[in-house]
PDB file of N, CA and C in Angstrom:
ATOM      1  N   MET A   1     -15.629   3.425   2.409  1.00  0.00           N
ATOM      2  CA  MET A   1     -15.164   2.030   2.893  1.00  0.00           C
ATOM      3  C   MET A   1     -16.499   1.306   3.121  1.00  0.00           C
ATOM      4  N   ASP A   2     -16.569   0.044   2.598  1.00  0.00           N
ATOM      5  CA  ASP A   2     -17.599  -0.817   2.965  1.00  0.00           C
ATOM      6  C   ASP A   2     -17.407  -1.260   4.394  1.00  0.00           C
ATOM      7  N   LYS A   3     -18.687  -1.214   5.152  1.00  0.00           N
ATOM      8  CA  LYS A   3     -18.518  -1.566   6.512  1.00  0.00           C
ATOM      9  C   LYS A   3     -19.558  -2.924   6.702  1.00  0.00           C
ATOM     10  N   THR A   4     -19.451  -3.673   5.810  1.00  0.00           N
ATOM     11  CA  THR A   4     -20.453  -4.864   5.612  1.00  0.00           C
ATOM     12  C   THR A   4     -19.641  -5.962   6.400  1.00  0.00           C
ATOM     13  N   VAL A   5     -20.186  -6.563   7.398  1.00  0.00           N
ATOM     14  CA  VAL A   5     -19.521  -7.929   8.143  1.00  0.00           C
ATOM     15  C   VAL A   5     -19.918  -9.182   7.454  1.00  0.00           C
ATOM     16  N   ARG A   6     -19.039  -9.877   6.898  1.00  0.00           N
ATOM     17  CA  ARG A   6     -19.221 -10.946   6.030  1.00  0.00           C
ATOM     18  C   ARG A   6     -18.634 -12.138   6.987  1.00  0.00           C
ATOM     19  N   LYS A   7     -19.273 -13.279   6.727  1.00  0.00           N
ATOM     20  CA  LYS A   7     -18.710 -14.612   7.484  1.00  0.00           C
ATOM     21  C   LYS A   7     -18.072 -15.716   6.246  1.00  0.00           C
ATOM     22  N   PHE A   8     -16.772 -16.059   6.488  1.00  0.00           N
ATOM     23  CA  PHE A   8     -16.401 -16.954   5.381  1.00  0.00           C
ATOM     24  C   PHE A   8     -16.058 -18.439   5.867  1.00  0.00           C
ATOM     25  N   ALA A   9     -16.150 -19.353   4.980  1.00  0.00           N
ATOM     26  CA  ALA A   9     -15.993 -20.582   5.492  1.00  0.00           C
ATOM     27  C   ALA A   9     -14.499 -21.057   5.754  1.00  0.00           C
ATOM     28  N   SER A  10     -13.716 -20.319   5.007  1.00  0.00           N
ATOM     29  CA  SER A  10     -12.131 -20.762   5.274  1.00  0.00           C
ATOM     30  C   SER A  10     -11.348 -19.345   5.146  1.00  0.00           C
ATOM     31  N   LEU A  11     -10.094 -19.281   5.290  1.00  0.00           N
ATOM     32  CA  LEU A  11      -9.071 -18.313   5.288  1.00  0.00           C
ATOM     33  C   LEU A  11      -8.930 -18.075   3.605  1.00  0.00           C
ATOM     34  N   GLU A  12      -8.966 -19.089   2.920  1.00  0.00           N
ATOM     35  CA  GLU A  12      -8.748 -18.921   1.255  1.00  0.00           C
ATOM     36  C   GLU A  12      -9.981 -18.428   0.754  1.00  0.00           C
ATOM     37  N   ALA A  13     -11.124 -18.532   1.424  1.00  0.00           N
ATOM     38  CA  ALA A  13     -12.484 -18.161   0.691  1.00  0.00           C
ATOM     39  C   ALA A  13     -12.247 -16.360   0.972  1.00  0.00           C
ATOM     40  N   MET A  14     -11.862 -16.060   2.116  1.00  0.00           N
ATOM     41  CA  MET A  14     -11.929 -14.722   2.598  1.00  0.00           C
ATOM     42  C   MET A  14     -10.765 -14.041   1.630  1.00  0.00           C
ATOM     43  N   LYS A  15      -9.566 -14.812   1.306  1.00  0.00           N
ATOM     44  CA  LYS A  15      -8.377 -14.093   0.587  1.00  0.00           C
ATOM     45  C   LYS A  15      -8.966 -13.853  -0.771  1.00  0.00           C
ATOM     46  N   ASP A  16      -9.864 -14.770  -1.300  1.00  0.00           N
ATOM     47  CA  ASP A  16     -10.455 -14.835  -2.557  1.00  0.00           C
ATOM     48  C   ASP A  16     -11.239 -13.510  -2.678  1.00  0.00           C
ATOM     49  N   ALA A  17     -12.076 -13.398  -1.956  1.00  0.00           N
ATOM     50  CA  ALA A  17     -13.152 -12.282  -2.043  1.00  0.00           C
ATOM     51  C   ALA A  17     -12.268 -11.051  -1.648  1.00  0.00           C
ATOM     52  N   GLU A  18     -11.107 -10.880  -0.827  1.00  0.00           N
ATOM     53  CA  GLU A  18     -10.356  -9.625  -0.737  1.00  0.00           C
ATOM     54  C   GLU A  18      -9.818  -9.304  -2.099  1.00  0.00           C
ATOM     55  N   TYR A  19      -9.184 -10.435  -2.840  1.00  0.00           N
ATOM     56  CA  TYR A  19      -8.472 -10.105  -3.966  1.00  0.00           C
ATOM     57  C   TYR A  19      -9.435  -9.703  -5.008  1.00  0.00           C
ATOM     58  N   THR A  20     -10.782 -10.251  -5.046  1.00  0.00           N
ATOM     59  CA  THR A  20     -11.532  -9.855  -6.196  1.00  0.00           C
ATOM     60  C   THR A  20     -11.815  -8.441  -5.803  1.00  0.00           C
ATOM     61  N   GLU A  21     -12.255  -8.027  -4.569  1.00  0.00           N
ATOM     62  CA  GLU A  21     -12.599  -6.521  -4.293  1.00  0.00           C
ATOM     63  C   GLU A  21     -11.174  -5.645  -4.693  1.00  0.00           C
ATOM     64  N   TRP A  22     -10.055  -6.069  -4.302  1.00  0.00           N
ATOM     65  CA  TRP A  22      -8.943  -5.366  -4.707  1.00  0.00           C
ATOM     66  C   TRP A  22      -8.892  -5.169  -6.125  1.00  0.00           C
ATOM     67  N   GLN A  23      -9.125  -6.055  -7.007  1.00  0.00           N
ATOM     68  CA  GLN A  23      -8.840  -5.793  -8.496  1.00  0.00           C
ATOM     69  C   GLN A  23     -10.173  -5.273  -8.879  1.00  0.00           C
ATOM     70  N   ALA A  24     -11.484  -5.093  -8.497  1.00  0.00           N
ATOM     71  CA  ALA A  24     -12.432  -4.336  -8.755  1.00  0.00           C
ATOM     72  C   ALA A  24     -11.994  -2.744  -8.649  1.00  0.00           C
ATOM     73  N   LEU A  25     -11.141  -2.361  -8.011  1.00  0.00           N
ATOM     74  CA  LEU A  25     -10.691  -0.756  -7.645  1.00  0.00           C
ATOM     75  C   LEU A  25     -10.045  -0.724  -9.066  1.00  0.00           C
ATOM     76  N   SER A  26     -10.098   0.625  -9.200  1.00  0.00           N
ATOM     77  CA  SER A  26      -9.219   1.150 -10.112  1.00  0.00           C
ATOM     78  C   SER A  26      -7.837   1.407 -10.073  1.00  0.00           C
ATOM     79  N   ALA A  27      -6.942   1.403 -10.921  1.00  0.00           N
ATOM     80  CA  ALA A  27      -5.569   1.358 -10.630  1.00  0.00           C
ATOM     81  C   ALA A  27      -5.084   2.688  -9.790  1.00  0.00           C
ATOM     82  N   ARG A  28      -5.858   3.833  -9.871  1.00  0.00           N
ATOM     83  CA  ARG A  28      -5.655   4.961  -9.201  1.00  0.00           C
ATOM     84  C   ARG A  28      -6.049   4.805  -7.715  1.00  0.00           C
ATOM     85  N   ALA A  29      -6.958   4.058  -7.508  1.00  0.00           N
ATOM     86  CA  ALA A  29      -7.515   3.738  -6.116  1.00  0.00           C
ATOM     87  C   ALA A  29      -6.609   2.954  -5.494  1.00  0.00           C
ATOM     88  N   ARG A  30      -6.105   1.988  -6.151  1.00  0.00           N
ATOM     89  CA  ARG A  30      -5.143   0.935  -5.646  1.00  0.00           C
ATOM     90  C   ARG A  30      -3.817   1.542  -5.218  1.00  0.00           C
ATOM     91  N   LEU A  31      -3.426   2.566  -6.129  1.00  0.00           N
ATOM     92  CA  LEU A  31      -1.990   3.162  -6.028  1.00  0.00           C
ATOM     93  C   LEU A  31      -2.291   4.437  -4.676  1.00  0.00           C
ATOM     94  N   ASN A  32      -3.371   5.024  -4.737  1.00  0.00           N
ATOM     95  CA  ASN A  32      -3.616   5.860  -3.811  1.00  0.00           C
ATOM     96  C   ASN A  32      -3.658   4.941  -2.261  1.00  0.00           C
ATOM     97  N   ALA A  33      -4.342   3.870  -2.138  1.00  0.00           N
ATOM     98  CA  ALA A  33      -4.139   2.980  -0.991  1.00  0.00           C
ATOM     99  C   ALA A  33      -2.891   2.590  -0.617  1.00  0.00           C
ATOM    100  N   ALA A  34      -2.145   2.173  -1.571  1.00  0.00           N
ATOM    101  CA  ALA A  34      -0.677   1.802  -1.274  1.00  0.00           C
ATOM    102  C   ALA A  34       0.252   2.899  -0.601  1.00  0.00           C
ATOM    103  N   ALA A  35      -0.199   4.225  -1.204  1.00  0.00           N
ATOM    104  CA  ALA A  35       0.476   5.391  -0.996  1.00  0.00           C
ATOM    105  C   ALA A  35       0.160   5.617   0.694  1.00  0.00           C
ATOM    106  N   GLU A  36      -1.146   5.667   0.810  1.00  0.00           N
ATOM    107  CA  GLU A  36      -1.706   6.001   2.114  1.00  0.00           C
ATOM    108  C   GLU A  36      -1.091   5.089   3.364  1.00  0.00           C
ATOM    109  N   LEU A  37      -1.079   3.647   2.771  1.00  0.00           N
ATOM    110  CA  LEU A  37      -0.534   2.660   3.783  1.00  0.00           C
ATOM    111  C   LEU A  37       0.851   3.001   4.112  1.00  0.00           C
ATOM    112  N   SER A  38       1.724   3.091   3.125  1.00  0.00           N
ATOM    113  CA  SER A  38       3.162   3.603   3.208  1.00  0.00           C
ATOM    114  C   SER A  38       3.296   4.855   4.164  1.00  0.00           C
ATOM    115  N   VAL A  39       2.543   5.960   4.069  1.00  0.00           N
ATOM    116  CA  VAL A  39       2.528   7.031   4.890  1.00  0.00           C
ATOM    117  C   VAL A  39       2.234   6.497   6.274  1.00  0.00           C
ATOM    118  N   MET A  40       1.284   5.965   6.455  1.00  0.00           N
ATOM    119  CA  MET A  40       0.778   5.532   7.916  1.00  0.00           C
ATOM    120  C   MET A  40       1.767   4.816   8.534  1.00  0.00           C
ATOM    121  N   GLN A  41       2.559   3.803   7.844  1.00  0.00           N
ATOM    122  CA  GLN A  41       3.716   3.168   8.338  1.00  0.00           C
ATOM    123  C   GLN A  41       4.909   3.855   8.810  1.00  0.00           C
ATOM    124  N   TYR A  42       5.115   5.192   7.993  1.00  0.00           N
ATOM    125  CA  TYR A  42       6.287   5.947   8.259  1.00  0.00           C
ATOM    126  C   TYR A  42       5.722   6.621   9.611  1.00  0.00           C
ATOM    127  N   GLN A  43       4.587   7.187   9.467  1.00  0.00           N
ATOM    128  CA  GLN A  43       4.004   7.809  10.613  1.00  0.00           C
ATOM    129  C   GLN A  43       4.208   7.034  12.079  1.00  0.00           C
ATOM    130  N   TRP A  44       3.890   5.823  11.893  1.00  0.00           N
ATOM    131  CA  TRP A  44       3.856   4.836  13.246  1.00  0.00           C
ATOM    132  C   TRP A  44       5.271   4.700  13.528  1.00  0.00           C
ATOM    133  N   LYS A  45       6.382   4.427  12.662  1.00  0.00           N
ATOM    134  CA  LYS A  45       7.682   3.925  12.832  1.00  0.00           C
ATOM    135  C   LYS A  45       8.363   5.506  13.523  1.00  0.00           C
ATOM    136  N   GLU A  46       8.131   6.665  12.933  1.00  0.00           N
ATOM    137  CA  GLU A  46       8.677   7.736  13.262  1.00  0.00           C
ATOM    138  C   GLU A  46       7.787   8.838  13.569  1.00  0.00           C
ATOM    139  N   PRO A  47       7.098   8.976  14.696  1.00  0.00           N
ATOM    140  CA  PRO A  47       6.011   9.865  14.764  1.00  0.00           C
ATOM    141  C   PRO A  47       6.393  11.599  14.773  1.00  0.00           C
ATOM    142  N   THR A  48       7.805  11.532  15.087  1.00  0.00           N
ATOM    143  CA  THR A  48       8.236  13.117  15.375  1.00  0.00           C
ATOM    144  C   THR A  48       8.479  13.517  13.640  1.00  0.00           C
ATOM    145  N   ARG A  49       8.686  12.784  12.898  1.00  0.00           N
ATOM    146  CA  ARG A  49       8.849  13.307  11.556  1.00  0.00           C
ATOM    147  C   ARG A  49       7.814  13.699  10.714  1.00  0.00           C
ATOM    148  N   ASP A  50       8.084  14.769   9.868  1.00  0.00           N
ATOM    149  CA  ASP A  50       6.822  15.279   9.058  1.00  0.00           C
ATOM    150  C   ASP A  50       6.749  14.488   7.803  1.00  0.00           C
ATOM    151  N   VAL A  51       5.866  13.651   7.747  1.00  0.00           N
ATOM    152  CA  VAL A  51       5.746  12.748   6.720  1.00  0.00           C
ATOM    153  C   VAL A  51       4.782  13.350   5.472  1.00  0.00           C
ATOM    154  N   GLN A  52       5.382  13.469   4.499  1.00  0.00           N
ATOM    155  CA  GLN A  52       4.724  13.976   3.294  1.00  0.00           C
ATOM    156  C   GLN A  52       3.776  12.878   2.609  1.00  0.00           C
ATOM    157  N   SER A  53       2.599  13.108   2.297  1.00  0.00           N
ATOM    158  CA  SER A  53       1.829  12.217   1.406  1.00  0.00           C
ATOM    159  C   SER A  53       2.117  12.319  -0.136  1.00  0.00           C
ATOM    160  N   GLY A  54       1.853  11.103  -0.461  1.00  0.00           N
ATOM    161  CA  GLY A  54       2.079  10.992  -1.964  1.00  0.00           C
ATOM    162  C   GLY A  54       3.479  10.286  -2.250  1.00  0.00           C
ATOM    163  N   LEU A  55       3.699   9.991  -3.600  1.00  0.00           N
ATOM    164  CA  LEU A  55       4.882   9.114  -3.667  1.00  0.00           C
ATOM    165  C   LEU A  55       6.067   9.973  -3.653  1.00  0.00           C
ATOM    166  N   GLN A  56       7.239   9.306  -3.155  1.00  0.00           N
ATOM    167  CA  GLN A  56       8.414  10.227  -3.282  1.00  0.00           C
ATOM    168  C   GLN A  56       9.446   9.346  -4.264  1.00  0.00           C
ATOM    169  N   ARG A  57      10.356  10.138  -4.588  1.00  0.00           N
ATOM    170  CA  ARG A  57      11.466   9.581  -5.572  1.00  0.00           C
ATOM    171  C   ARG A  57      12.375   9.010  -4.711  1.00  0.00           C
ATOM    172  N   THR A  58      12.878   7.910  -4.823  1.00  0.00           N
ATOM    173  CA  THR A  58      14.121   7.165  -4.265  1.00  0.00           C
ATOM    174  C   THR A  58      15.225   7.446  -5.064  1.00  0.00           C
ATOM    175  N   LEU A  59      16.502   8.206  -4.535  1.00  0.00           N
ATOM    176  CA  LEU A  59      17.597   8.309  -5.469  1.00  0.00           C
ATOM    177  C   LEU A  59      18.635   7.168  -5.201  1.00  0.00           C
ATOM    178  N   VAL A  60      19.256   6.653  -6.175  1.00  0.00           N
ATOM    179  CA  VAL A  60      20.336   5.760  -5.772  1.00  0.00           C
ATOM    180  C   VAL A  60      21.408   5.938  -6.693  1.00  0.00           C
ATOM    181  N   ARG A  61      22.611   6.054  -6.250  1.00  0.00           N
ATOM    182  CA  ARG A  61      23.706   6.283  -7.096  1.00  0.00           C
ATOM    183  C   ARG A  61      24.605   5.102  -7.059  1.00  0.00           C
ATOM    184  N   VAL A  62      24.915   4.580  -8.212  1.00  0.00           N
ATOM    185  CA  VAL A  62      25.502   3.259  -8.442  1.00  0.00           C
ATOM    186  C   VAL A  62      26.901   3.578  -8.988  1.00  0.00           C
ATOM    187  N   GLN A  63      28.032   3.208  -8.535  1.00  0.00           N
ATOM    188  CA  GLN A  63      29.296   3.535  -8.930  1.00  0.00           C
ATOM    189  C   GLN A  63      29.669   2.464 -10.037  1.00  0.00           C
ATOM    190  N   ARG A  64      30.067   2.995 -11.135  1.00  0.00           N
ATOM    191  CA  ARG A  64      30.429   1.981 -12.082  1.00  0.00           C
ATOM    192  C   ARG A  64      31.772   2.005 -12.187  1.00  0.00           C
ATOM    193  N   ALA A  65      32.293   0.752 -12.562  1.00  0.00           N
ATOM    194  CA  ALA A  65      33.763   0.630 -12.659  1.00  0.00           C
ATOM    195  C   ALA A  65      34.164   1.419 -13.917  1.00  0.00           C
ATOM    196  N   SER A  66      35.457   1.987 -13.739  1.00  0.00           N
ATOM    197  CA  SER A  66      35.878   2.577 -14.917  1.00  0.00           C
ATOM    198  C   SER A  66      36.368   1.651 -15.967  1.00  0.00           C
ATOM    199  N   ARG A  67      36.420   2.162 -17.325  1.00  0.00           N
ATOM    200  CA  ARG A  67      36.708   1.182 -18.526  1.00  0.00           C
ATOM    201  C   ARG A  67      38.198   1.206 -18.539  1.00  0.00           C
TER     202      ARG A  67
END
């Protein structure tokens, strides 16, 4: 993690720099960061649950009308 402090002239300039840094990461690093944020959010929401790291599959059952 880069711990450099930078000063920006505007919010737009900060967002542009953030986007550029994010795009410089590999796809794997971005996916890992998104999964880590997801796990952290679930741990904050329900601290008593055992949250497993990694992507989890979501199953959805859709009832189709009979023909």
